[in-house]
N, C-alpha and C. Protein backbone atom coordinates (compact mmCIF):
# COMPACT_ATOMS: atom_id res chain seq x y z
N MET A 1 27.87 166.73 -170.55
CA MET A 1 29.72 166.35 -170.58
C MET A 1 30.39 167.83 -170.71
N ILE A 2 31.63 167.92 -169.67
CA ILE A 2 32.20 168.99 -169.90
C ILE A 2 33.43 169.07 -171.11
N GLY A 3 33.88 167.64 -171.65
CA GLY A 3 34.29 167.43 -172.67
C GLY A 3 33.60 167.98 -173.76
N TYR A 4 32.44 167.72 -173.84
CA TYR A 4 31.50 168.39 -174.91
C TYR A 4 31.38 169.90 -175.00
N ASP A 5 31.57 170.48 -173.75
CA ASP A 5 31.54 171.86 -173.85
C ASP A 5 32.73 172.40 -174.24
N THR A 6 33.77 171.88 -173.96
CA THR A 6 35.39 172.36 -174.25
C THR A 6 35.55 171.83 -176.06
N TRP A 7 35.27 170.38 -176.29
CA TRP A 7 35.82 170.12 -177.31
C TRP A 7 34.83 170.22 -178.90
N ILE A 8 33.66 170.48 -178.32
CA ILE A 8 32.52 170.54 -179.67
C ILE A 8 31.71 171.34 -179.64
N ARG A 9 31.24 172.05 -178.40
CA ARG A 9 30.42 172.94 -178.54
C ARG A 9 31.50 174.63 -178.04
N SER A 10 32.67 174.55 -178.05
CA SER A 10 33.56 175.79 -177.57
C SER A 10 32.94 176.60 -176.35
N GLN A 11 32.57 175.94 -175.54
CA GLN A 11 31.78 177.19 -174.42
C GLN A 11 32.65 176.47 -173.01
N PRO A 12 34.29 177.12 -173.09
CA PRO A 12 34.96 176.66 -172.13
C PRO A 12 34.51 177.18 -170.85
N GLN A 13 33.89 178.42 -170.86
CA GLN A 13 33.10 178.82 -169.63
C GLN A 13 32.47 178.12 -168.73
N ARG A 14 31.37 177.60 -169.43
CA ARG A 14 30.86 176.46 -169.13
C ARG A 14 30.79 175.21 -168.49
N ALA A 15 32.40 174.91 -169.00
CA ALA A 15 32.94 173.68 -168.75
C ALA A 15 33.36 173.82 -167.37
N VAL A 16 33.87 175.39 -167.18
CA VAL A 16 34.70 175.40 -165.90
C VAL A 16 33.61 175.76 -165.04
N THR A 17 32.48 176.31 -165.32
CA THR A 17 31.32 176.33 -164.17
C THR A 17 31.10 174.85 -163.71
N ARG A 18 30.72 173.58 -164.35
CA ARG A 18 30.35 172.78 -164.24
C ARG A 18 31.73 172.25 -163.44
N LEU A 19 32.63 172.24 -163.41
CA LEU A 19 33.86 171.62 -162.71
C LEU A 19 33.83 172.87 -161.29
N ASP A 20 33.74 173.80 -161.55
CA ASP A 20 33.56 174.40 -160.09
C ASP A 20 32.29 173.78 -159.28
N ALA A 21 31.31 173.64 -160.11
CA ALA A 21 29.93 173.19 -159.09
C ALA A 21 30.17 171.45 -158.56
N ALA A 22 30.73 170.77 -159.42
CA ALA A 22 31.33 169.28 -159.06
C ALA A 22 31.81 169.33 -157.74
N LEU A 23 33.30 170.10 -157.86
CA LEU A 23 34.28 170.10 -156.96
C LEU A 23 33.15 170.70 -155.20
N ASN A 24 32.49 171.87 -155.69
CA ASN A 24 31.72 172.42 -154.44
C ASN A 24 30.90 170.98 -153.84
N VAL A 25 30.29 170.33 -154.99
CA VAL A 25 29.78 169.22 -154.12
C VAL A 25 30.26 168.03 -153.47
N HIS A 26 31.60 168.15 -153.94
CA HIS A 26 32.02 166.57 -154.21
C HIS A 26 33.96 167.11 -154.05
N PRO A 27 34.09 168.17 -152.67
CA PRO A 27 35.25 168.51 -152.52
C PRO A 27 36.75 167.03 -152.28
N LEU A 28 37.39 167.59 -153.38
CA LEU A 28 38.64 166.31 -153.13
C LEU A 28 38.97 165.72 -152.26
N SER A 29 38.96 166.79 -151.17
CA SER A 29 39.63 166.37 -149.79
C SER A 29 38.94 165.57 -149.03
N THR A 30 37.58 165.29 -149.54
CA THR A 30 36.52 164.38 -148.79
C THR A 30 36.61 162.95 -149.19
N LEU A 31 37.58 162.73 -150.34
CA LEU A 31 37.98 161.48 -151.11
C LEU A 31 39.04 160.81 -150.44
N ALA A 32 39.32 159.61 -150.70
CA ALA A 32 40.72 159.04 -150.33
C ALA A 32 41.76 159.38 -151.47
N GLU A 33 42.83 159.34 -150.77
CA GLU A 33 43.57 160.08 -151.27
C GLU A 33 43.86 159.56 -152.95
N GLN A 34 44.01 158.43 -153.09
CA GLN A 34 44.24 157.35 -154.08
C GLN A 34 42.67 157.49 -155.06
N ASP A 35 41.73 158.45 -154.85
CA ASP A 35 40.47 158.07 -155.23
C ASP A 35 40.04 159.72 -156.25
N ARG A 36 41.00 160.39 -155.50
CA ARG A 36 41.23 162.10 -156.05
C ARG A 36 41.58 161.80 -157.52
N PRO A 37 40.57 163.00 -158.35
CA PRO A 37 41.54 162.84 -159.80
C PRO A 37 42.06 164.08 -160.30
N TYR A 38 42.96 164.40 -159.19
CA TYR A 38 43.96 165.67 -159.37
C TYR A 38 44.28 165.82 -160.79
N ALA A 39 45.06 165.15 -161.10
CA ALA A 39 45.59 165.17 -162.75
C ALA A 39 44.41 165.63 -163.65
N PRO A 40 43.17 164.59 -163.74
CA PRO A 40 42.53 164.63 -164.99
C PRO A 40 41.55 166.24 -164.76
N ILE A 41 41.23 166.83 -163.30
CA ILE A 41 40.71 167.97 -163.05
C ILE A 41 41.47 168.91 -163.49
N ALA A 42 42.93 168.73 -163.31
CA ALA A 42 43.54 169.84 -163.58
C ALA A 42 43.94 170.01 -165.32
N ARG A 43 43.79 169.08 -166.11
CA ARG A 43 43.70 168.83 -167.27
C ARG A 43 42.76 169.72 -167.87
N LEU A 44 41.51 169.34 -167.29
CA LEU A 44 40.26 169.77 -167.85
C LEU A 44 40.30 171.33 -167.56
N TYR A 45 40.65 171.75 -166.74
CA TYR A 45 40.56 173.39 -166.42
C TYR A 45 41.85 173.82 -167.13
N ALA A 46 42.84 173.42 -167.65
CA ALA A 46 43.44 174.00 -168.50
C ALA A 46 42.83 174.04 -169.82
N GLN A 47 42.50 172.94 -170.28
CA GLN A 47 41.75 172.75 -171.42
C GLN A 47 40.53 173.84 -171.46
N SER A 48 40.07 174.24 -170.46
CA SER A 48 38.96 175.06 -170.25
C SER A 48 39.25 176.46 -170.45
N GLY A 49 40.85 176.52 -170.52
CA GLY A 49 41.43 178.08 -170.35
C GLY A 49 41.92 178.38 -169.01
N ARG A 50 41.83 177.95 -167.78
CA ARG A 50 41.96 177.69 -166.67
C ARG A 50 43.45 177.73 -166.33
N ALA A 51 44.54 178.23 -166.73
CA ALA A 51 45.38 177.23 -166.42
C ALA A 51 45.88 177.61 -164.70
N ASP A 52 45.62 179.31 -164.17
CA ASP A 52 45.43 179.31 -163.01
C ASP A 52 44.95 178.13 -162.20
N ARG A 53 43.92 177.83 -162.42
CA ARG A 53 43.21 176.79 -161.62
C ARG A 53 43.72 175.46 -161.48
N ALA A 54 44.43 174.89 -163.05
CA ALA A 54 44.78 173.85 -162.96
C ALA A 54 45.98 173.75 -162.24
N ARG A 55 46.95 174.67 -162.45
CA ARG A 55 48.23 174.71 -161.28
C ARG A 55 47.54 174.64 -159.76
N THR A 56 46.67 175.45 -159.36
CA THR A 56 46.31 174.95 -158.22
C THR A 56 45.96 173.52 -157.68
N VAL A 57 45.25 172.92 -158.56
CA VAL A 57 44.95 171.21 -158.34
C VAL A 57 46.57 170.36 -158.11
N LEU A 58 47.39 171.01 -159.54
CA LEU A 58 48.31 170.27 -159.08
C LEU A 58 49.55 170.17 -158.01
N ALA A 59 49.03 171.52 -157.49
CA ALA A 59 50.09 171.73 -156.70
C ALA A 59 49.43 170.85 -155.21
N GLN A 60 48.16 170.79 -155.14
CA GLN A 60 47.47 169.97 -153.82
C GLN A 60 47.96 168.67 -154.32
N PHE A 61 48.02 168.40 -155.76
CA PHE A 61 48.24 167.08 -155.78
C PHE A 61 49.79 166.62 -155.12
N ALA A 62 50.35 167.25 -155.33
CA ALA A 62 51.89 167.43 -155.46
C ALA A 62 52.28 167.23 -153.52
N GLN A 63 51.20 167.76 -152.92
CA GLN A 63 51.03 167.60 -151.30
C GLN A 63 50.45 166.56 -150.38
N ILE A 64 50.09 165.63 -151.47
CA ILE A 64 48.99 164.12 -150.93
C ILE A 64 50.71 163.42 -150.15
N LYS A 65 49.88 162.60 -149.11
CA LYS A 65 50.69 161.88 -148.25
C LYS A 65 51.48 160.77 -148.99
N ASP A 66 50.47 160.15 -149.82
CA ASP A 66 51.29 159.08 -150.57
C ASP A 66 52.01 159.35 -151.74
N THR A 67 53.24 159.35 -151.60
CA THR A 67 53.94 159.78 -152.63
C THR A 67 54.29 158.89 -153.72
N SER A 68 54.06 157.58 -153.29
CA SER A 68 54.37 156.76 -154.30
C SER A 68 52.86 156.51 -155.02
N PHE A 69 52.15 156.91 -154.96
CA PHE A 69 50.77 157.54 -155.87
C PHE A 69 50.73 158.56 -156.78
N TYR A 70 51.44 159.67 -155.85
CA TYR A 70 52.01 160.73 -157.01
C TYR A 70 53.05 160.43 -157.91
N ARG A 71 53.90 159.42 -157.84
CA ARG A 71 54.95 159.16 -158.32
C ARG A 71 54.36 158.38 -159.64
N SER A 72 53.44 157.43 -159.58
CA SER A 72 53.00 156.57 -160.30
C SER A 72 51.87 157.02 -161.13
N HIS A 73 51.49 158.43 -161.00
CA HIS A 73 50.82 159.57 -162.01
C HIS A 73 51.27 160.62 -162.86
N GLN A 74 52.50 160.17 -162.58
CA GLN A 74 53.37 161.27 -163.16
C GLN A 74 53.24 161.49 -165.02
N SER A 75 52.84 160.61 -165.24
CA SER A 75 52.16 160.63 -167.09
C SER A 75 50.95 161.64 -167.15
N ASP A 76 50.36 161.45 -165.63
CA ASP A 76 49.18 161.99 -166.44
C ASP A 76 49.61 163.60 -165.85
N VAL A 77 50.32 163.85 -164.95
CA VAL A 77 50.58 165.33 -164.44
C VAL A 77 51.54 165.87 -165.68
N HIS A 78 51.91 165.42 -166.51
CA HIS A 78 52.65 165.90 -167.79
C HIS A 78 51.80 166.19 -168.46
N GLU A 79 50.55 165.34 -168.79
CA GLU A 79 49.92 165.76 -169.66
C GLU A 79 48.82 167.20 -169.17
N ALA A 80 48.90 167.03 -168.04
CA ALA A 80 48.05 168.38 -167.22
C ALA A 80 49.00 169.54 -167.49
N LEU A 81 50.33 169.30 -167.44
CA LEU A 81 51.64 170.44 -167.76
C LEU A 81 51.31 170.75 -168.66
N ALA A 82 51.33 169.71 -170.02
CA ALA A 82 51.07 170.03 -171.38
C ALA A 82 49.91 171.04 -171.62
N GLU A 83 49.03 170.82 -170.85
CA GLU A 83 47.30 171.64 -171.40
C GLU A 83 47.72 172.99 -171.12
N ILE A 84 48.55 172.70 -169.40
CA ILE A 84 48.59 174.17 -169.28
C ILE A 84 49.15 175.17 -170.08
N ALA A 85 50.48 174.31 -170.52
CA ALA A 85 51.32 175.00 -171.50
C ALA A 85 50.54 175.69 -172.78
N VAL A 86 49.45 174.66 -173.18
CA VAL A 86 48.81 175.13 -174.11
C VAL A 86 47.89 176.56 -174.00
N ALA A 87 47.07 176.43 -172.88
CA ALA A 87 46.26 177.91 -172.32
C ALA A 87 47.14 178.68 -172.25
N GLU A 88 48.68 178.82 -172.11
CA GLU A 88 49.62 179.85 -171.75
C GLU A 88 50.14 180.02 -173.20
N LYS A 89 49.92 179.50 -174.28
CA LYS A 89 50.57 179.50 -175.37
C LYS A 89 52.17 179.57 -175.71
N ARG A 90 52.42 178.38 -174.55
CA ARG A 90 53.84 177.95 -174.87
C ARG A 90 53.75 176.54 -175.37
N TYR A 91 53.48 176.69 -176.50
CA TYR A 91 53.61 175.53 -177.37
C TYR A 91 55.00 174.75 -177.78
N ARG A 92 55.83 175.16 -177.74
CA ARG A 92 56.76 174.39 -177.33
C ARG A 92 57.25 173.61 -176.44
N ASP A 93 56.56 174.06 -174.99
CA ASP A 93 56.76 173.17 -174.04
C ASP A 93 55.70 172.61 -173.85
N ALA A 94 54.69 172.61 -174.65
CA ALA A 94 53.09 171.57 -174.79
C ALA A 94 53.69 170.51 -175.36
N ILE A 95 54.79 170.43 -176.54
CA ILE A 95 55.20 169.50 -177.07
C ILE A 95 56.33 168.23 -176.35
N ALA A 96 56.85 169.46 -175.69
CA ALA A 96 57.93 168.67 -174.76
C ALA A 96 57.23 167.92 -173.74
N GLU A 97 56.26 168.16 -173.39
CA GLU A 97 55.17 167.76 -171.74
C GLU A 97 54.40 166.52 -172.41
N PHE A 98 53.58 167.17 -173.66
CA PHE A 98 53.07 165.62 -174.13
C PHE A 98 53.45 164.38 -174.70
N ARG A 99 55.05 164.92 -175.00
CA ARG A 99 55.50 163.82 -175.30
C ARG A 99 56.56 163.16 -174.10
N ARG A 100 56.41 163.70 -173.05
CA ARG A 100 56.50 163.50 -171.81
C ARG A 100 55.68 162.22 -171.19
N ALA A 101 54.55 162.94 -171.23
CA ALA A 101 53.48 162.35 -170.82
C ALA A 101 52.82 160.99 -171.53
N ASP A 102 53.58 160.57 -172.52
CA ASP A 102 53.76 159.19 -173.32
C ASP A 102 54.61 158.51 -173.11
N VAL A 103 55.11 158.43 -172.04
CA VAL A 103 56.45 157.65 -171.63
C VAL A 103 56.47 157.69 -169.90
N ASP A 104 56.37 156.32 -169.48
CA ASP A 104 56.14 156.19 -167.94
C ASP A 104 57.83 156.26 -167.67
N VAL A 105 57.77 156.24 -166.10
CA VAL A 105 58.87 156.43 -165.38
C VAL A 105 60.16 155.34 -165.85
N ASP A 106 59.47 154.52 -166.01
CA ASP A 106 60.70 153.30 -166.63
C ASP A 106 60.86 153.34 -168.22
N GLY A 107 60.72 154.27 -168.88
CA GLY A 107 60.65 154.57 -170.34
C GLY A 107 59.56 153.67 -171.04
N ARG A 108 58.68 153.15 -170.37
CA ARG A 108 57.71 152.07 -171.25
C ARG A 108 56.54 153.08 -171.41
N PRO A 109 55.64 152.97 -172.71
CA PRO A 109 54.47 153.43 -173.16
C PRO A 109 53.82 153.64 -171.61
N ALA A 110 53.26 154.70 -171.31
CA ALA A 110 52.82 155.04 -170.11
C ALA A 110 51.13 154.70 -170.34
N ASN A 111 50.64 154.40 -171.23
CA ASN A 111 49.10 154.07 -171.33
C ASN A 111 49.07 152.92 -172.47
N GLU A 112 48.02 152.36 -172.56
CA GLU A 112 47.38 151.42 -173.52
C GLU A 112 46.96 152.23 -174.78
N ASN A 113 46.73 153.49 -174.73
CA ASN A 113 46.13 154.15 -175.70
C ASN A 113 47.39 154.18 -177.01
N PRO A 114 47.55 154.25 -178.04
CA PRO A 114 48.73 154.48 -179.16
C PRO A 114 47.95 155.57 -179.73
N VAL A 115 46.90 156.10 -179.93
CA VAL A 115 46.26 157.21 -180.36
C VAL A 115 46.37 158.64 -179.81
N HIS A 116 45.89 158.46 -178.73
CA HIS A 116 45.52 160.19 -177.71
C HIS A 116 46.97 161.26 -178.20
N VAL A 117 48.28 160.49 -177.94
CA VAL A 117 49.63 161.59 -178.03
C VAL A 117 49.47 162.02 -179.32
N HIS A 118 49.23 161.23 -180.19
CA HIS A 118 49.20 161.76 -182.00
C HIS A 118 48.37 163.18 -181.68
N PHE A 119 47.18 162.88 -181.01
CA PHE A 119 46.06 164.05 -181.67
C PHE A 119 47.01 164.96 -180.38
N ASN A 120 47.01 164.66 -179.38
CA ASN A 120 47.86 166.06 -178.83
C ASN A 120 48.99 166.76 -179.30
N LEU A 121 49.82 165.96 -179.89
CA LEU A 121 50.98 166.77 -180.71
C LEU A 121 50.85 167.10 -181.70
N GLY A 122 49.83 166.76 -182.60
CA GLY A 122 49.03 167.35 -183.53
C GLY A 122 48.66 168.99 -183.51
N ARG A 123 47.56 168.79 -182.42
CA ARG A 123 46.94 170.14 -182.28
C ARG A 123 48.34 171.17 -181.69
N ALA A 124 49.04 170.63 -180.83
CA ALA A 124 50.48 171.59 -180.22
C ALA A 124 51.19 172.02 -181.55
N PHE A 125 51.87 171.27 -182.46
CA PHE A 125 52.34 171.64 -183.64
C PHE A 125 51.56 172.55 -184.39
N ASP A 126 50.35 172.35 -184.60
CA ASP A 126 49.64 173.19 -185.54
C ASP A 126 49.53 174.53 -184.84
N LEU A 127 49.08 174.56 -183.54
CA LEU A 127 49.33 175.72 -182.82
C LEU A 127 50.56 176.80 -182.72
N ALA A 128 51.77 175.76 -182.72
CA ALA A 128 53.19 176.33 -182.87
C ALA A 128 53.33 176.77 -184.43
N ASN A 129 52.29 176.62 -185.19
CA ASN A 129 52.32 176.98 -186.40
C ASN A 129 53.52 176.12 -187.08
N GLN A 130 53.36 174.70 -187.23
CA GLN A 130 54.67 173.78 -187.88
C GLN A 130 53.31 172.64 -188.53
N PRO A 131 52.73 173.39 -189.61
CA PRO A 131 52.02 172.49 -190.15
C PRO A 131 52.06 171.16 -190.70
N ASP A 132 53.46 171.08 -191.12
CA ASP A 132 53.87 169.91 -191.59
C ASP A 132 53.66 168.85 -190.53
N SER A 133 54.28 169.10 -189.19
CA SER A 133 54.34 168.21 -188.27
C SER A 133 53.07 167.74 -187.55
N ALA A 134 52.10 169.06 -187.63
CA ALA A 134 50.76 169.20 -187.34
C ALA A 134 50.07 167.78 -188.31
N ILE A 135 50.20 168.13 -189.41
CA ILE A 135 49.40 167.03 -190.72
C ILE A 135 50.14 165.76 -190.18
N ALA A 136 51.49 165.47 -189.79
CA ALA A 136 51.81 164.14 -189.50
C ALA A 136 51.21 163.26 -188.33
N GLU A 137 51.25 163.99 -186.94
CA GLU A 137 50.69 163.65 -186.27
C GLU A 137 48.73 163.27 -186.37
N LEU A 138 48.23 164.60 -186.84
CA LEU A 138 46.94 164.32 -187.04
C LEU A 138 46.64 162.62 -187.91
N GLU A 139 47.55 162.40 -188.86
CA GLU A 139 46.99 161.42 -189.98
C GLU A 139 47.26 160.58 -188.94
N ALA A 140 48.55 160.23 -188.15
CA ALA A 140 48.73 159.02 -187.63
C ALA A 140 47.84 158.64 -186.37
N TYR A 141 47.22 159.80 -186.16
CA TYR A 141 45.83 159.84 -185.13
C TYR A 141 44.73 159.12 -185.99
N LEU A 142 44.59 159.40 -186.69
CA LEU A 142 43.61 159.02 -187.61
C LEU A 142 43.60 157.01 -188.06
N ARG A 143 45.14 157.44 -188.39
CA ARG A 143 45.33 156.15 -188.94
C ARG A 143 45.85 154.64 -188.07
N ILE A 144 46.12 154.84 -186.95
CA ILE A 144 46.47 153.64 -186.19
C ILE A 144 45.53 153.27 -185.81
N PRO A 145 45.47 151.80 -185.72
CA PRO A 145 44.03 151.01 -185.10
C PRO A 145 44.23 150.92 -183.86
N TYR A 146 42.65 150.99 -183.00
CA TYR A 146 42.80 150.73 -181.39
C TYR A 146 41.75 150.79 -181.58
N ASP A 147 41.45 149.69 -180.80
CA ASP A 147 39.83 148.97 -180.34
C ASP A 147 39.05 149.90 -179.57
N SER A 148 39.48 150.69 -178.85
CA SER A 148 38.88 151.84 -177.92
C SER A 148 39.03 153.11 -178.04
N ARG A 149 39.74 153.55 -179.47
CA ARG A 149 39.50 154.76 -179.96
C ARG A 149 38.36 155.78 -179.74
N SER A 150 37.06 154.85 -179.56
CA SER A 150 35.80 155.71 -179.43
C SER A 150 36.04 156.89 -178.27
N ASP A 151 36.50 156.57 -177.27
CA ASP A 151 37.11 157.35 -176.11
C ASP A 151 37.21 158.58 -176.27
N ASP A 152 38.33 158.51 -177.56
CA ASP A 152 38.78 159.91 -177.98
C ASP A 152 38.38 160.60 -179.18
N ASP A 153 37.69 159.84 -180.36
CA ASP A 153 36.89 159.89 -181.34
C ASP A 153 35.52 160.97 -180.96
N GLN A 154 34.95 160.37 -179.90
CA GLN A 154 33.93 160.97 -179.67
C GLN A 154 33.69 162.31 -179.86
N PHE A 155 35.00 162.70 -178.91
CA PHE A 155 35.06 164.27 -178.68
C PHE A 155 35.80 164.94 -180.08
N VAL A 156 36.82 163.84 -180.53
CA VAL A 156 38.04 165.10 -181.50
C VAL A 156 37.96 164.68 -183.18
N LEU A 157 37.26 163.55 -183.68
CA LEU A 157 37.53 162.77 -184.92
C LEU A 157 36.82 163.82 -185.65
N ALA A 158 35.93 164.35 -185.72
CA ALA A 158 35.42 165.21 -186.27
C ALA A 158 36.60 166.82 -187.02
N GLY A 159 36.32 167.37 -185.81
CA GLY A 159 37.35 168.32 -185.81
C GLY A 159 38.68 168.16 -186.36
N THR A 160 39.50 166.99 -186.14
CA THR A 160 40.59 166.42 -186.75
C THR A 160 40.31 166.40 -188.13
N HIS A 161 39.17 165.80 -188.82
CA HIS A 161 39.00 166.04 -190.36
C HIS A 161 38.83 167.08 -190.45
N LYS A 162 38.31 168.36 -189.97
CA LYS A 162 37.98 169.76 -190.90
C LYS A 162 39.39 170.52 -190.46
N ARG A 163 40.32 170.42 -189.57
CA ARG A 163 41.21 170.55 -189.56
C ARG A 163 42.40 170.29 -190.61
N LEU A 164 42.21 168.88 -190.74
CA LEU A 164 43.24 168.36 -192.05
C LEU A 164 42.79 169.04 -192.94
N GLY A 165 41.59 168.96 -193.29
CA GLY A 165 41.09 169.73 -194.63
C GLY A 165 41.54 170.95 -194.66
N GLU A 166 41.58 171.86 -194.02
CA GLU A 166 42.36 173.13 -193.85
C GLU A 166 43.68 173.22 -194.20
N LEU A 167 44.21 172.44 -193.46
CA LEU A 167 45.60 172.60 -193.66
C LEU A 167 46.39 171.92 -195.09
N TYR A 168 45.50 170.98 -195.43
CA TYR A 168 45.95 170.31 -196.38
C TYR A 168 45.51 171.39 -198.02
N ASP A 169 44.39 171.92 -197.79
CA ASP A 169 43.88 173.40 -198.72
C ASP A 169 44.82 174.29 -198.51
N ALA A 170 45.77 174.61 -197.38
CA ALA A 170 46.55 175.68 -197.39
C ALA A 170 47.81 175.06 -197.84
N LYS A 171 48.23 174.14 -198.15
CA LYS A 171 49.11 173.81 -198.25
C LYS A 171 49.07 173.29 -200.51
N GLY A 172 47.76 173.37 -200.53
CA GLY A 172 47.56 173.28 -201.65
C GLY A 172 47.36 172.03 -202.53
N ASP A 173 47.10 170.87 -201.40
CA ASP A 173 46.82 169.73 -201.81
C ASP A 173 45.46 169.43 -201.98
N ARG A 174 44.67 169.56 -202.74
CA ARG A 174 43.05 169.59 -202.98
C ARG A 174 42.47 168.43 -202.49
N GLU A 175 43.04 167.11 -203.50
CA GLU A 175 42.53 165.83 -203.14
C GLU A 175 42.15 165.82 -201.66
N LYS A 176 43.40 166.23 -200.63
CA LYS A 176 43.26 165.62 -199.63
C LYS A 176 42.56 166.56 -198.54
N ALA A 177 41.98 167.76 -199.12
CA ALA A 177 41.43 168.75 -198.54
C ALA A 177 40.12 168.34 -198.72
N ILE A 178 39.59 168.06 -199.85
CA ILE A 178 38.12 167.39 -200.22
C ILE A 178 37.73 166.41 -199.26
N SER A 179 39.06 165.30 -199.29
CA SER A 179 38.15 164.11 -198.41
C SER A 179 38.18 164.39 -197.16
N HIS A 180 39.12 165.27 -196.31
CA HIS A 180 38.77 165.33 -195.04
C HIS A 180 37.54 165.94 -194.92
N LEU A 181 37.42 167.26 -195.64
CA LEU A 181 36.42 168.33 -195.53
C LEU A 181 34.93 166.98 -195.43
N THR A 182 34.88 166.21 -196.73
CA THR A 182 33.85 165.69 -196.63
C THR A 182 33.66 164.94 -195.80
N LYS A 183 34.28 163.97 -195.48
CA LYS A 183 34.48 163.38 -193.76
C LYS A 183 33.70 164.32 -192.96
N PHE A 184 34.77 165.42 -192.83
CA PHE A 184 33.75 165.81 -191.29
C PHE A 184 32.41 166.49 -191.65
N ILE A 185 31.81 166.73 -192.76
CA ILE A 185 30.40 167.15 -193.28
C ILE A 185 29.48 166.07 -193.13
N GLU A 186 29.84 165.06 -193.58
CA GLU A 186 29.41 163.49 -193.07
C GLU A 186 29.13 163.51 -191.85
N LEU A 187 30.14 163.28 -190.97
CA LEU A 187 30.19 163.25 -189.76
C LEU A 187 29.05 164.18 -188.60
N TRP A 188 29.23 165.46 -189.34
CA TRP A 188 28.40 166.36 -188.41
C TRP A 188 27.26 166.76 -189.18
N LYS A 189 26.66 166.45 -190.42
CA LYS A 189 25.79 166.62 -191.19
C LYS A 189 24.25 166.97 -189.99
N ASP A 190 24.32 165.70 -189.06
CA ASP A 190 22.96 165.82 -188.21
C ASP A 190 23.20 166.90 -187.38
N ALA A 191 24.51 167.57 -186.82
CA ALA A 191 24.46 167.76 -185.60
C ALA A 191 23.69 168.79 -185.16
N ASP A 192 23.83 169.60 -183.92
CA ASP A 192 22.60 170.39 -183.40
C ASP A 192 22.72 171.58 -184.16
N PRO A 193 21.83 172.39 -184.09
CA PRO A 193 22.06 173.72 -184.80
C PRO A 193 23.20 174.79 -184.43
N GLU A 194 23.69 174.80 -183.30
CA GLU A 194 24.60 175.53 -182.99
C GLU A 194 25.87 175.20 -183.16
N LEU A 195 25.80 174.04 -183.75
CA LEU A 195 27.42 173.43 -184.63
C LEU A 195 27.03 173.51 -185.79
N GLN A 196 26.14 174.05 -186.61
CA GLN A 196 25.82 174.00 -188.05
C GLN A 196 26.70 175.00 -188.69
N PRO A 197 26.96 176.11 -187.95
CA PRO A 197 28.15 177.25 -188.98
C PRO A 197 29.08 176.81 -189.39
N ALA A 198 29.77 175.75 -188.31
CA ALA A 198 30.88 175.18 -188.61
C ALA A 198 30.92 174.49 -189.77
N VAL A 199 29.51 173.64 -190.01
CA VAL A 199 29.79 172.57 -191.15
C VAL A 199 29.52 173.47 -192.49
N ALA A 200 29.05 174.54 -192.09
CA ALA A 200 28.59 175.61 -193.48
C ALA A 200 29.56 176.33 -193.94
N ASP A 201 30.53 176.31 -192.58
CA ASP A 201 32.08 176.82 -193.43
C ASP A 201 32.66 175.54 -193.85
N ALA A 202 32.58 174.63 -193.99
CA ALA A 202 33.37 173.57 -194.56
C ALA A 202 32.85 173.29 -196.05
N LYS A 203 31.43 173.55 -195.97
CA LYS A 203 31.00 173.22 -197.32
C LYS A 203 31.20 174.58 -198.10
N ARG A 204 31.35 175.27 -197.70
CA ARG A 204 32.13 176.57 -198.39
C ARG A 204 33.18 176.52 -199.04
N ARG A 205 34.30 175.85 -198.38
CA ARG A 205 35.42 175.86 -198.44
C ARG A 205 35.54 174.38 -199.73
N LEU A 206 34.75 173.35 -199.17
CA LEU A 206 34.68 172.27 -200.20
C LEU A 206 34.10 172.52 -201.46
N THR A 207 33.22 173.36 -201.30
CA THR A 207 32.81 173.92 -203.02
C THR A 207 33.58 174.77 -203.72
N LYS A 208 34.07 175.57 -203.29
CA LYS A 208 35.67 176.46 -203.27
C LYS A 208 36.55 175.52 -204.02
N LEU A 209 37.13 174.59 -203.25
CA LEU A 209 37.91 173.24 -203.95
C LEU A 209 37.82 172.85 -205.17
N GLN A 210 36.21 171.80 -204.77
CA GLN A 210 35.66 171.50 -206.08
C GLN A 210 35.37 172.01 -207.44
N ALA A 211 35.30 173.40 -207.07
CA ALA A 211 35.25 174.24 -208.27
C ALA A 211 36.49 174.46 -209.16
N ALA A 212 37.68 174.48 -208.35
CA ALA A 212 38.66 174.91 -208.71
C ALA A 212 39.54 173.70 -209.45
N GLY A 213 38.89 172.41 -208.93
CA GLY A 213 39.65 171.65 -209.91
C GLY A 213 38.86 171.23 -211.52
N LYS A 214 37.71 171.61 -211.51
CA LYS A 214 36.83 171.60 -212.83
C LYS A 214 37.17 173.14 -213.68
N GLY A 215 38.16 174.18 -213.26
CA GLY A 215 38.66 175.05 -214.26
C GLY A 215 39.44 174.31 -214.88
């Protein structure tokens, strides 16, 4: 899956290759306008580091004849624009666009998923070197109950625990750092061999933290 290439295996070029292949076989122009996943494809391209291709796809979306369909998907467009901003290292813009993506044109929540925006904001704040805001948003992502959160968790839950462990370690909060790193290690203890270096890194950090507590 493209999401695994990007979020778990850190192989963005492989994700781009898969996207390109899929679009070669099934060009968007061959689908009915309301069946064309312009914004999700743009988002995936941006998440894989190809902001240029993401912009091209969004430009195609803006040209469709069904303008009401385009307007009804502005939340998705804003999320894609946020990912483009992340890819271009415009983190303040990314934060603003992720917030716009969470609100519909009438001011109501844009979707039923209450956790997705917190993860997105958390990583944008993290990239913007605002660790306190990053921690607050990532903790909200973990804390808020949501029956279908596995849609997000399958890609980012483990990594969220790892990053929170690192952020808390940097702040000197040993107890919380240990808690999150332990959860990450448990989630990935049986991960594929290519992912084990991340587990080994977390174990080294965890060992150091535990040893510091005994000193």
